[in-house]
Amino acid sequence: MIYVLSVALGIGLLTLGGEALIKGALGAAERLGISALLAGLVIVGFGTSAPELVVSIDAAINQQPDIAVGNVIGSNIGNLLLILGLCALITPLAAKPEALRRDGLMMLLATLLVVVLAWGSALNRLDAFILLAALISYLIWAYRTERQGELASAQLHAAEASEVTRKPQRTLYIVLFIVAGLACLIIGSQVLLSGAVGIAQHFGVSEALIGLSLVAVGTSLPELSISVLAALRRHADVAIGNILGSNIFNILGILGISALLQPLPMAARIISFDQWVMLGVTLVALLFLLTGKRLSRLEGAALLAGYIVYMWLSFTVV
């Protein structure tokens, strides 16, 4: 019970911390005159992935690579199957393929890149530099192609920033939001990891499985809240774009930073099963998004069913 309460408290702190950090950073961006495009592309993208970042870094530093890697792989699978499926059930997601094509392609390339780099059963510091270089290249490419503000993808990233409401305006409140957000993220990650490891040891399951399931779902709540809110407001492009951007940051940024701090050996099950699920899910989701004019409720139900099957296989077969 103590471990379960620790996980629940950790997830709560991570969720509050991620939301506070995003709002504080966006408030600071408005005060500093930073464009909505850049704020949506960088602040919302990094901000929704902040829980995954802090947890994976904490796990890597504490010699828990299975949780660090499983958190990212599991979050990306959950983003596409669980969150995107849930949003499509709320309302069919009519999306503009031209607004999603570049980020969808980048998500696929990032997924393929980590599969290739993990071929040697570990991500070392050279791999980390490659991942981070790819992230920096993507950000430069995205900003340069969108700064005119005319492209559909530029309007999408600007809309991501406007989706976050009740941002602090006064400098004191902005600082308080950012500091409180960071504090909640740091404390929440430690509490969550303590509870997750305790549960793994108590039930005799691997840390990789806990990272892929419990930790991954918990750290994905900021993506869930923003995407579901956008779906309820019928802002389909924002809901989908948030997921694509988060998956890109998760792979290139979080795995890159974590492997830079501490080389990450890959669990056998991730090498043989989970990374291929992530790649297959990425291809299926992009097929749904880019070949039709909308993600229907039936396709959303199929994605959700896929997540249930994945979880069942993870706990009973793999």
C-alpha atoms as a PDB file:
ATOM      1  CA  MET A   1       0.000   0.000   0.000  1.00  0.00           C
ATOM      2  CA  ILE A   2       2.876   2.376   0.776  1.00  0.00           C
ATOM      3  CA  TYR A   3       4.359   1.729  -2.667  1.00  0.00           C
ATOM      4  CA  VAL A   4       0.998   2.325  -4.374  1.00  0.00           C
ATOM      5  CA  LEU A   5       0.504   5.569  -2.466  1.00  0.00           C
ATOM      6  CA  SER A   6       4.040   6.636  -3.411  1.00  0.00           C
ATOM      7  CA  VAL A   7       3.286   6.037  -7.087  1.00  0.00           C
ATOM      8  CA  ALA A   8      -0.015   7.941  -6.862  1.00  0.00           C
ATOM      9  CA  LEU A   9       1.643  10.855  -5.032  1.00  0.00           C
ATOM     10  CA  GLY A  10       4.544  10.880  -7.501  1.00  0.00           C
ATOM     11  CA  ILE A  11       2.215  10.944 -10.507  1.00  0.00           C
ATOM     12  CA  GLY A  12       0.195  13.756  -8.930  1.00  0.00           C
ATOM     13  CA  LEU A  13       3.316  15.846  -8.278  1.00  0.00           C
ATOM     14  CA  LEU A  14       4.636  15.201 -11.801  1.00  0.00           C
ATOM     15  CA  THR A  15       1.325  16.259 -13.338  1.00  0.00           C
ATOM     16  CA  LEU A  16       1.108  19.441 -11.272  1.00  0.00           C
ATOM     17  CA  GLY A  17       4.774  20.193 -11.888  1.00  0.00           C
ATOM     18  CA  GLY A  18       4.502  19.726 -15.638  1.00  0.00           C
ATOM     19  CA  GLU A  19       1.441  21.962 -15.923  1.00  0.00           C
ATOM     20  CA  ALA A  20       2.938  24.661 -13.680  1.00  0.00           C
ATOM     21  CA  LEU A  21       6.191  24.644 -15.645  1.00  0.00           C
ATOM     22  CA  ILE A  22       4.391  24.952 -18.985  1.00  0.00           C
ATOM     23  CA  LYS A  23       2.213  27.830 -17.775  1.00  0.00           C
ATOM     24  CA  GLY A  24       5.137  29.646 -16.169  1.00  0.00           C
ATOM     25  CA  ALA A  25       7.343  29.220 -19.225  1.00  0.00           C
ATOM     26  CA  LEU A  26       4.580  30.385 -21.583  1.00  0.00           C
ATOM     27  CA  GLY A  27       3.906  33.380 -19.318  1.00  0.00           C
ATOM     28  CA  ALA A  28       7.612  34.241 -19.464  1.00  0.00           C
ATOM     29  CA  ALA A  29       7.583  33.832 -23.255  1.00  0.00           C
ATOM     30  CA  GLU A  30       4.735  36.326 -23.571  1.00  0.00           C
ATOM     31  CA  ARG A  31       6.510  38.825 -21.294  1.00  0.00           C
ATOM     32  CA  LEU A  32       9.705  38.460 -23.336  1.00  0.00           C
ATOM     33  CA  GLY A  33       7.896  38.796 -26.656  1.00  0.00           C
ATOM     34  CA  ILE A  34       8.742  35.277 -27.857  1.00  0.00           C
ATOM     35  CA  SER A  35       6.549  34.245 -30.774  1.00  0.00           C
ATOM     36  CA  ALA A  36       3.640  31.865 -30.252  1.00  0.00           C
ATOM     37  CA  LEU A  37       5.228  29.623 -32.896  1.00  0.00           C
ATOM     38  CA  LEU A  38       8.456  29.178 -30.963  1.00  0.00           C
ATOM     39  CA  ALA A  39       6.590  28.892 -27.653  1.00  0.00           C
ATOM     40  CA  GLY A  40       4.373  26.124 -28.998  1.00  0.00           C
ATOM     41  CA  LEU A  41       7.202  24.297 -30.749  1.00  0.00           C
ATOM     42  CA  VAL A  42       9.706  24.342 -27.885  1.00  0.00           C
ATOM     43  CA  ILE A  43       7.980  25.184 -24.578  1.00  0.00           C
ATOM     44  CA  VAL A  44       4.862  23.059 -25.027  1.00  0.00           C
ATOM     45  CA  GLY A  45       6.878  20.287 -26.685  1.00  0.00           C
ATOM     46  CA  PHE A  46       9.475  20.136 -23.927  1.00  0.00           C
ATOM     47  CA  GLY A  47       7.001  20.993 -21.181  1.00  0.00           C
ATOM     48  CA  THR A  48       4.623  18.102 -21.800  1.00  0.00           C
ATOM     49  CA  SER A  49       7.650  15.780 -21.840  1.00  0.00           C
ATOM     50  CA  ALA A  50       9.122  17.255 -18.644  1.00  0.00           C
ATOM     51  CA  PRO A  51       7.862  14.426 -16.369  1.00  0.00           C
ATOM     52  CA  GLU A  52       9.377  11.801 -18.671  1.00  0.00           C
ATOM     53  CA  LEU A  53      12.615  13.815 -18.791  1.00  0.00           C
ATOM     54  CA  VAL A  54      13.009  14.176 -15.021  1.00  0.00           C
ATOM     55  CA  VAL A  55      12.039  10.557 -14.285  1.00  0.00           C
ATOM     56  CA  SER A  56      14.355   9.112 -16.943  1.00  0.00           C
ATOM     57  CA  ILE A  57      17.280  11.290 -15.857  1.00  0.00           C
ATOM     58  CA  ASP A  58      16.691  10.353 -12.223  1.00  0.00           C
ATOM     59  CA  ALA A  59      16.489   6.662 -13.152  1.00  0.00           C
ATOM     60  CA  ALA A  60      19.644   6.829 -15.269  1.00  0.00           C
ATOM     61  CA  ILE A  61      21.638   8.554 -12.527  1.00  0.00           C
ATOM     62  CA  ASN A  62      20.425   5.978  -9.983  1.00  0.00           C
ATOM     63  CA  GLN A  63      21.501   3.047 -12.177  1.00  0.00           C
ATOM     64  CA  GLN A  64      17.973   2.071 -13.201  1.00  0.00           C
ATOM     65  CA  PRO A  65      18.344   2.063 -17.004  1.00  0.00           C
ATOM     66  CA  ASP A  66      15.382  -0.261 -17.577  1.00  0.00           C
ATOM     67  CA  ILE A  67      13.028   2.325 -16.083  1.00  0.00           C
ATOM     68  CA  ALA A  68      14.747   5.186 -17.937  1.00  0.00           C
ATOM     69  CA  VAL A  69      14.385   3.498 -21.331  1.00  0.00           C
ATOM     70  CA  GLY A  70      11.059   1.780 -20.607  1.00  0.00           C
ATOM     71  CA  ASN A  71       9.552   5.109 -19.585  1.00  0.00           C
ATOM     72  CA  VAL A  72      10.289   6.623 -23.000  1.00  0.00           C
ATOM     73  CA  ILE A  73       9.318   3.594 -25.088  1.00  0.00           C
ATOM     74  CA  GLY A  74       6.161   3.023 -23.051  1.00  0.00           C
ATOM     75  CA  SER A  75       5.200   6.711 -23.175  1.00  0.00           C
ATOM     76  CA  ASN A  76       5.492   6.804 -26.969  1.00  0.00           C
ATOM     77  CA  ILE A  77       3.383   3.667 -27.336  1.00  0.00           C
ATOM     78  CA  GLY A  78       0.817   5.028 -24.871  1.00  0.00           C
ATOM     79  CA  ASN A  79       0.718   8.428 -26.576  1.00  0.00           C
ATOM     80  CA  LEU A  80      -0.222   6.884 -29.922  1.00  0.00           C
ATOM     81  CA  LEU A  81      -2.507   4.081 -28.772  1.00  0.00           C
ATOM     82  CA  LEU A  82      -4.029   5.265 -25.496  1.00  0.00           C
ATOM     83  CA  ILE A  83      -4.152   9.074 -25.771  1.00  0.00           C
ATOM     84  CA  LEU A  84      -4.726   9.383 -29.520  1.00  0.00           C
ATOM     85  CA  GLY A  85      -7.324   6.603 -29.361  1.00  0.00           C
ATOM     86  CA  LEU A  86      -9.117   8.258 -26.450  1.00  0.00           C
ATOM     87  CA  CYS A  87      -9.152  11.640 -28.235  1.00  0.00           C
ATOM     88  CA  ALA A  88     -10.609  10.055 -31.378  1.00  0.00           C
ATOM     89  CA  LEU A  89     -13.364   8.453 -29.298  1.00  0.00           C
ATOM     90  CA  ILE A  90     -14.233  11.849 -27.803  1.00  0.00           C
ATOM     91  CA  THR A  91     -14.535  13.342 -31.276  1.00  0.00           C
ATOM     92  CA  PRO A  92     -13.357  12.202 -34.722  1.00  0.00           C
ATOM     93  CA  LEU A  93     -10.089  14.056 -35.328  1.00  0.00           C
ATOM     94  CA  ALA A  94     -10.270  15.889 -38.637  1.00  0.00           C
ATOM     95  CA  ALA A  95      -6.649  16.808 -39.327  1.00  0.00           C
ATOM     96  CA  LYS A  96      -4.825  18.611 -42.106  1.00  0.00           C
ATOM     97  CA  PRO A  97      -2.182  16.185 -43.436  1.00  0.00           C
ATOM     98  CA  GLU A  98       0.024  19.090 -44.550  1.00  0.00           C
ATOM     99  CA  ALA A  99       0.170  20.344 -40.950  1.00  0.00           C
ATOM    100  CA  LEU A 100       1.277  16.960 -39.663  1.00  0.00           C
ATOM    101  CA  ARG A 101       3.421  15.597 -42.496  1.00  0.00           C
ATOM    102  CA  ARG A 102       6.775  17.006 -41.398  1.00  0.00           C
ATOM    103  CA  ASP A 103       6.398  16.153 -37.708  1.00  0.00           C
ATOM    104  CA  GLY A 104       4.958  12.748 -38.566  1.00  0.00           C
ATOM    105  CA  LEU A 105       7.937  12.006 -40.798  1.00  0.00           C
ATOM    106  CA  MET A 106      10.312  13.225 -38.075  1.00  0.00           C
ATOM    107  CA  MET A 107       8.628  10.999 -35.499  1.00  0.00           C
ATOM    108  CA  LEU A 108       9.098   8.006 -37.787  1.00  0.00           C
ATOM    109  CA  LEU A 109      12.746   8.872 -38.493  1.00  0.00           C
ATOM    110  CA  ALA A 110      13.442   9.360 -34.759  1.00  0.00           C
ATOM    111  CA  THR A 111      11.869   5.976 -34.004  1.00  0.00           C
ATOM    112  CA  LEU A 112      13.934   4.277 -36.712  1.00  0.00           C
ATOM    113  CA  LEU A 113      17.065   6.039 -35.446  1.00  0.00           C
ATOM    114  CA  VAL A 114      16.740   4.753 -31.891  1.00  0.00           C
ATOM    115  CA  VAL A 115      16.032   1.218 -33.171  1.00  0.00           C
ATOM    116  CA  VAL A 116      19.251   1.338 -35.221  1.00  0.00           C
ATOM    117  CA  LEU A 117      21.312   2.842 -32.394  1.00  0.00           C
ATOM    118  CA  ALA A 118      20.002   0.272 -29.911  1.00  0.00           C
ATOM    119  CA  TRP A 119      21.127  -2.582 -32.187  1.00  0.00           C
ATOM    120  CA  GLY A 120      24.174  -3.093 -29.956  1.00  0.00           C
ATOM    121  CA  SER A 121      21.870  -3.577 -26.924  1.00  0.00           C
ATOM    122  CA  ALA A 122      22.800  -0.209 -25.387  1.00  0.00           C
ATOM    123  CA  LEU A 123      22.728   3.532 -25.950  1.00  0.00           C
ATOM    124  CA  ASN A 124      26.169   5.007 -25.285  1.00  0.00           C
ATOM    125  CA  ARG A 125      27.361   8.593 -25.194  1.00  0.00           C
ATOM    126  CA  LEU A 126      28.081   8.659 -28.930  1.00  0.00           C
ATOM    127  CA  ASP A 127      24.488   7.576 -29.543  1.00  0.00           C
ATOM    128  CA  ALA A 128      23.399  10.346 -27.161  1.00  0.00           C
ATOM    129  CA  PHE A 129      25.223  12.982 -29.219  1.00  0.00           C
ATOM    130  CA  ILE A 130      23.595  11.637 -32.394  1.00  0.00           C
ATOM    131  CA  LEU A 131      20.112  11.812 -30.837  1.00  0.00           C
ATOM    132  CA  LEU A 132      20.627  15.329 -29.483  1.00  0.00           C
ATOM    133  CA  ALA A 133      22.124  16.516 -32.782  1.00  0.00           C
ATOM    134  CA  ALA A 134      19.035  15.178 -34.548  1.00  0.00           C
ATOM    135  CA  LEU A 135      16.789  17.074 -32.103  1.00  0.00           C
ATOM    136  CA  ILE A 136      18.664  20.344 -32.591  1.00  0.00           C
ATOM    137  CA  SER A 137      18.554  19.872 -36.372  1.00  0.00           C
ATOM    138  CA  TYR A 138      14.802  19.259 -36.223  1.00  0.00           C
ATOM    139  CA  LEU A 139      14.173  22.403 -34.146  1.00  0.00           C
ATOM    140  CA  ILE A 140      16.269  24.555 -36.492  1.00  0.00           C
ATOM    141  CA  TRP A 141      14.574  23.029 -39.547  1.00  0.00           C
ATOM    142  CA  ALA A 142      11.106  23.476 -38.072  1.00  0.00           C
ATOM    143  CA  TYR A 143      11.649  27.071 -37.016  1.00  0.00           C
ATOM    144  CA  ARG A 144      13.270  28.151 -40.278  1.00  0.00           C
ATOM    145  CA  THR A 145      10.507  26.628 -42.385  1.00  0.00           C
ATOM    146  CA  GLU A 146       7.742  28.070 -40.221  1.00  0.00           C
ATOM    147  CA  ARG A 147       8.860  31.520 -39.121  1.00  0.00           C
ATOM    148  CA  GLN A 148       6.849  33.170 -41.899  1.00  0.00           C
ATOM    149  CA  GLY A 149       3.780  31.873 -40.064  1.00  0.00           C
ATOM    150  CA  GLU A 150       2.030  30.878 -43.282  1.00  0.00           C
ATOM    151  CA  LEU A 151       2.479  27.120 -43.196  1.00  0.00           C
ATOM    152  CA  ALA A 152      -0.226  24.950 -41.680  1.00  0.00           C
ATOM    153  CA  SER A 153       2.354  23.412 -39.353  1.00  0.00           C
ATOM    154  CA  ALA A 154       3.364  26.884 -38.138  1.00  0.00           C
ATOM    155  CA  GLN A 155      -0.246  27.693 -37.304  1.00  0.00           C
ATOM    156  CA  LEU A 156      -0.470  24.360 -35.490  1.00  0.00           C
ATOM    157  CA  HIS A 157       2.483  25.067 -33.185  1.00  0.00           C
ATOM    158  CA  ALA A 158       1.212  28.565 -32.475  1.00  0.00           C
ATOM    159  CA  ALA A 159      -2.187  27.077 -31.600  1.00  0.00           C
ATOM    160  CA  GLU A 160      -0.507  24.678 -29.158  1.00  0.00           C
ATOM    161  CA  ALA A 161       0.704  27.636 -27.130  1.00  0.00           C
ATOM    162  CA  SER A 162      -2.726  29.300 -27.130  1.00  0.00           C
ATOM    163  CA  GLU A 163      -4.347  26.047 -25.973  1.00  0.00           C
ATOM    164  CA  VAL A 164      -2.834  26.546 -22.511  1.00  0.00           C
ATOM    165  CA  THR A 165      -5.028  28.999 -20.584  1.00  0.00           C
ATOM    166  CA  ARG A 166      -4.679  30.923 -17.302  1.00  0.00           C
ATOM    167  CA  LYS A 167      -0.997  31.638 -17.762  1.00  0.00           C
ATOM    168  CA  PRO A 168       0.598  33.875 -15.099  1.00  0.00           C
ATOM    169  CA  GLN A 169       1.209  37.465 -16.229  1.00  0.00           C
ATOM    170  CA  ARG A 170       3.118  39.108 -13.371  1.00  0.00           C
ATOM    171  CA  THR A 171       6.831  38.395 -13.021  1.00  0.00           C
ATOM    172  CA  LEU A 172       6.537  37.147  -9.447  1.00  0.00           C
ATOM    173  CA  TYR A 173       3.846  34.642 -10.359  1.00  0.00           C
ATOM    174  CA  ILE A 174       5.800  33.512 -13.415  1.00  0.00           C
ATOM    175  CA  VAL A 175       8.858  32.800 -11.272  1.00  0.00           C
ATOM    176  CA  LEU A 176       6.736  31.023  -8.664  1.00  0.00           C
ATOM    177  CA  PHE A 177       5.093  28.819 -11.305  1.00  0.00           C
ATOM    178  CA  ILE A 178       8.455  27.841 -12.809  1.00  0.00           C
ATOM    179  CA  VAL A 179      10.166  27.187  -9.461  1.00  0.00           C
ATOM    180  CA  ALA A 180       7.175  25.294  -8.053  1.00  0.00           C
ATOM    181  CA  GLY A 181       6.883  23.289 -11.264  1.00  0.00           C
ATOM    182  CA  LEU A 182      10.523  22.246 -11.192  1.00  0.00           C
ATOM    183  CA  ALA A 183      10.326  21.376  -7.493  1.00  0.00           C
ATOM    184  CA  CYS A 184       7.238  19.211  -8.024  1.00  0.00           C
ATOM    185  CA  LEU A 185       8.893  17.466 -10.962  1.00  0.00           C
ATOM    186  CA  ILE A 186      12.062  16.663  -9.029  1.00  0.00           C
ATOM    187  CA  ILE A 187      10.293  15.502  -5.866  1.00  0.00           C
ATOM    188  CA  GLY A 188       7.600  13.686  -7.820  1.00  0.00           C
ATOM    189  CA  SER A 189      10.150  11.746  -9.871  1.00  0.00           C
ATOM    190  CA  GLN A 190      11.925  10.509  -6.758  1.00  0.00           C
ATOM    191  CA  VAL A 191       8.670   9.519  -5.043  1.00  0.00           C
ATOM    192  CA  LEU A 192       7.371   7.794  -8.183  1.00  0.00           C
ATOM    193  CA  LEU A 193      10.594   5.860  -8.734  1.00  0.00           C
ATOM    194  CA  SER A 194      10.690   4.756  -5.098  1.00  0.00           C
ATOM    195  CA  GLY A 195       7.143   3.419  -5.304  1.00  0.00           C
ATOM    196  CA  ALA A 196       7.592   1.860  -8.757  1.00  0.00           C
ATOM    197  CA  VAL A 197      10.751  -0.012  -7.770  1.00  0.00           C
ATOM    198  CA  GLY A 198       9.045  -1.171  -4.572  1.00  0.00           C
ATOM    199  CA  ILE A 199       6.095  -2.536  -6.554  1.00  0.00           C
ATOM    200  CA  ALA A 200       8.437  -4.301  -8.994  1.00  0.00           C
ATOM    201  CA  GLN A 201      10.329  -5.964  -6.161  1.00  0.00           C
ATOM    202  CA  HIS A 202       7.173  -6.882  -4.244  1.00  0.00           C
ATOM    203  CA  PHE A 203       5.474  -8.582  -7.204  1.00  0.00           C
ATOM    204  CA  GLY A 204       8.669  -9.939  -8.746  1.00  0.00           C
ATOM    205  CA  VAL A 205       8.277  -8.181 -12.094  1.00  0.00           C
ATOM    206  CA  SER A 206      11.036  -6.468 -14.010  1.00  0.00           C
ATOM    207  CA  GLU A 207      11.812  -2.781 -13.731  1.00  0.00           C
ATOM    208  CA  ALA A 208      11.526  -2.613 -17.526  1.00  0.00           C
ATOM    209  CA  LEU A 209       7.883  -3.705 -17.350  1.00  0.00           C
ATOM    210  CA  ILE A 210       7.133  -1.183 -14.602  1.00  0.00           C
ATOM    211  CA  GLY A 211       8.807   1.542 -16.668  1.00  0.00           C
ATOM    212  CA  LEU A 212       6.872   0.568 -19.804  1.00  0.00           C
ATOM    213  CA  SER A 213       3.500   0.538 -18.063  1.00  0.00           C
ATOM    214  CA  LEU A 214       3.006   2.247 -14.716  1.00  0.00           C
ATOM    215  CA  VAL A 215       5.728   4.888 -14.997  1.00  0.00           C
ATOM    216  CA  ALA A 216       5.057   5.569 -18.679  1.00  0.00           C
ATOM    217  CA  VAL A 217       1.340   6.180 -18.172  1.00  0.00           C
ATOM    218  CA  GLY A 218       1.979   8.360 -15.130  1.00  0.00           C
ATOM    219  CA  THR A 219       4.478  10.606 -16.872  1.00  0.00           C
ATOM    220  CA  SER A 220       2.226  10.964 -19.950  1.00  0.00           C
ATOM    221  CA  LEU A 221      -0.569  12.748 -18.076  1.00  0.00           C
ATOM    222  CA  PRO A 222       0.414  16.261 -19.315  1.00  0.00           C
ATOM    223  CA  GLU A 223       0.116  15.038 -22.918  1.00  0.00           C
ATOM    224  CA  LEU A 224      -3.193  13.431 -22.003  1.00  0.00           C
ATOM    225  CA  SER A 225      -4.640  16.587 -20.425  1.00  0.00           C
ATOM    226  CA  ILE A 226      -3.626  18.927 -23.270  1.00  0.00           C
ATOM    227  CA  SER A 227      -4.699  16.527 -26.027  1.00  0.00           C
ATOM    228  CA  VAL A 228      -8.054  15.658 -24.429  1.00  0.00           C
ATOM    229  CA  LEU A 229      -8.754  19.344 -23.777  1.00  0.00           C
ATOM    230  CA  ALA A 230      -7.962  20.133 -27.406  1.00  0.00           C
ATOM    231  CA  ALA A 231     -10.217  17.282 -28.572  1.00  0.00           C
ATOM    232  CA  LEU A 232     -13.089  18.551 -26.418  1.00  0.00           C
ATOM    233  CA  ARG A 233     -12.623  21.987 -28.003  1.00  0.00           C
ATOM    234  CA  ARG A 234     -12.610  20.365 -31.475  1.00  0.00           C
ATOM    235  CA  HIS A 235      -8.989  21.461 -32.027  1.00  0.00           C
ATOM    236  CA  ALA A 236      -7.969  18.206 -33.679  1.00  0.00           C
ATOM    237  CA  ASP A 237      -4.679  19.393 -35.172  1.00  0.00           C
ATOM    238  CA  VAL A 238      -3.472  20.547 -31.759  1.00  0.00           C
ATOM    239  CA  ALA A 239      -4.425  17.241 -30.121  1.00  0.00           C
ATOM    240  CA  ILE A 240      -2.541  15.255 -32.753  1.00  0.00           C
ATOM    241  CA  GLY A 241       0.377  17.666 -33.094  1.00  0.00           C
ATOM    242  CA  ASN A 242       0.970  17.564 -29.341  1.00  0.00           C
ATOM    243  CA  ILE A 243       1.358  13.767 -29.497  1.00  0.00           C
ATOM    244  CA  LEU A 244       3.720  13.847 -32.476  1.00  0.00           C
ATOM    245  CA  GLY A 245       5.877  16.564 -30.909  1.00  0.00           C
ATOM    246  CA  SER A 246       5.995  14.774 -27.567  1.00  0.00           C
ATOM    247  CA  ASN A 247       7.133  11.528 -29.178  1.00  0.00           C
ATOM    248  CA  ILE A 248       9.913  13.353 -31.024  1.00  0.00           C
ATOM    249  CA  PHE A 249      11.143  15.030 -27.833  1.00  0.00           C
ATOM    250  CA  ASN A 250      10.872  11.783 -25.874  1.00  0.00           C
ATOM    251  CA  ILE A 251      13.126   9.829 -28.219  1.00  0.00           C
ATOM    252  CA  LEU A 252      15.642  12.453 -29.276  1.00  0.00           C
ATOM    253  CA  GLY A 253      15.714  14.670 -26.189  1.00  0.00           C
ATOM    254  CA  ILE A 254      15.037  12.433 -23.208  1.00  0.00           C
ATOM    255  CA  LEU A 255      16.915   9.351 -24.356  1.00  0.00           C
ATOM    256  CA  GLY A 256      19.687  11.619 -25.635  1.00  0.00           C
ATOM    257  CA  ILE A 257      20.125  13.492 -22.349  1.00  0.00           C
ATOM    258  CA  SER A 258      19.757  10.330 -20.227  1.00  0.00           C
ATOM    259  CA  ALA A 259      22.327   8.387 -22.286  1.00  0.00           C
ATOM    260  CA  LEU A 260      24.679  11.367 -22.175  1.00  0.00           C
ATOM    261  CA  LEU A 261      24.621  11.329 -18.376  1.00  0.00           C
ATOM    262  CA  GLN A 262      24.818   7.545 -18.080  1.00  0.00           C
ATOM    263  CA  PRO A 263      25.100   4.915 -20.860  1.00  0.00           C
ATOM    264  CA  LEU A 264      21.838   2.972 -21.030  1.00  0.00           C
ATOM    265  CA  PRO A 265      21.899  -0.812 -21.540  1.00  0.00           C
ATOM    266  CA  MET A 266      18.670  -1.982 -23.172  1.00  0.00           C
ATOM    267  CA  ALA A 267      16.623  -4.740 -21.545  1.00  0.00           C
ATOM    268  CA  ALA A 268      16.302  -7.900 -23.627  1.00  0.00           C
ATOM    269  CA  ARG A 269      12.517  -7.592 -23.816  1.00  0.00           C
ATOM    270  CA  ILE A 270      12.746  -4.018 -25.105  1.00  0.00           C
ATOM    271  CA  ILE A 271      15.208  -5.075 -27.812  1.00  0.00           C
ATOM    272  CA  SER A 272      13.141  -8.083 -28.895  1.00  0.00           C
ATOM    273  CA  PHE A 273       9.598  -6.775 -28.419  1.00  0.00           C
ATOM    274  CA  ASP A 274       8.779  -3.264 -27.212  1.00  0.00           C
ATOM    275  CA  GLN A 275      10.864  -1.218 -29.633  1.00  0.00           C
ATOM    276  CA  TRP A 276       9.267  -3.101 -32.534  1.00  0.00           C
ATOM    277  CA  VAL A 277       5.818  -2.441 -31.075  1.00  0.00           C
ATOM    278  CA  MET A 278       6.730   1.267 -30.911  1.00  0.00           C
ATOM    279  CA  LEU A 279       7.857   1.223 -34.557  1.00  0.00           C
ATOM    280  CA  GLY A 280       4.766  -0.692 -35.711  1.00  0.00           C
ATOM    281  CA  VAL A 281       2.416   1.582 -33.773  1.00  0.00           C
ATOM    282  CA  THR A 282       4.135   4.637 -35.261  1.00  0.00           C
ATOM    283  CA  LEU A 283       3.607   3.317 -38.793  1.00  0.00           C
ATOM    284  CA  VAL A 284      -0.054   2.443 -38.144  1.00  0.00           C
ATOM    285  CA  ALA A 285      -0.839   5.805 -36.537  1.00  0.00           C
ATOM    286  CA  LEU A 286       0.788   7.693 -39.413  1.00  0.00           C
ATOM    287  CA  LEU A 287      -1.118   5.551 -41.904  1.00  0.00           C
ATOM    288  CA  PHE A 288      -4.379   6.502 -40.188  1.00  0.00           C
ATOM    289  CA  LEU A 289      -3.458  10.214 -39.983  1.00  0.00           C
ATOM    290  CA  LEU A 290      -1.906  10.868 -43.363  1.00  0.00           C
ATOM    291  CA  THR A 291      -4.012   8.723 -45.696  1.00  0.00           C
ATOM    292  CA  GLY A 292      -7.443   9.898 -44.576  1.00  0.00           C
ATOM    293  CA  LYS A 293      -8.984  13.235 -43.763  1.00  0.00           C
ATOM    294  CA  ARG A 294      -9.714  12.321 -40.168  1.00  0.00           C
ATOM    295  CA  LEU A 295      -9.080   9.807 -37.405  1.00  0.00           C
ATOM    296  CA  SER A 296     -12.488   8.187 -36.941  1.00  0.00           C
ATOM    297  CA  ARG A 297     -13.997   6.788 -33.767  1.00  0.00           C
ATOM    298  CA  LEU A 298     -13.579   3.286 -35.201  1.00  0.00           C
ATOM    299  CA  GLU A 299      -9.860   3.898 -35.728  1.00  0.00           C
ATOM    300  CA  GLY A 300      -9.636   5.393 -32.236  1.00  0.00           C
ATOM    301  CA  ALA A 301     -11.277   2.275 -30.823  1.00  0.00           C
ATOM    302  CA  ALA A 302      -8.789   0.141 -32.753  1.00  0.00           C
ATOM    303  CA  LEU A 303      -5.883   2.106 -31.242  1.00  0.00           C
ATOM    304  CA  LEU A 304      -7.291   1.705 -27.711  1.00  0.00           C
ATOM    305  CA  ALA A 305      -7.836  -2.006 -28.292  1.00  0.00           C
ATOM    306  CA  GLY A 306      -4.237  -2.231 -29.465  1.00  0.00           C
ATOM    307  CA  TYR A 307      -3.048  -0.714 -26.192  1.00  0.00           C
ATOM    308  CA  ILE A 308      -5.105  -3.186 -24.150  1.00  0.00           C
ATOM    309  CA  VAL A 309      -3.626  -6.088 -26.155  1.00  0.00           C
ATOM    310  CA  TYR A 310      -0.110  -4.680 -25.717  1.00  0.00           C
ATOM    311  CA  MET A 311      -0.558  -4.404 -21.941  1.00  0.00           C
ATOM    312  CA  TRP A 312      -2.002  -7.928 -21.769  1.00  0.00           C
ATOM    313  CA  LEU A 313       0.919  -9.368 -23.721  1.00  0.00           C
ATOM    314  CA  SER A 314       3.389  -7.397 -21.607  1.00  0.00           C
ATOM    315  CA  PHE A 315       2.112  -8.847 -18.327  1.00  0.00           C
ATOM    316  CA  THR A 316       1.247 -12.375 -19.441  1.00  0.00           C
ATOM    317  CA  VAL A 317       3.457 -13.430 -22.361  1.00  0.00           C
ATOM    318  CA  VAL A 318       6.602 -11.324 -22.805  1.00  0.00           C
END
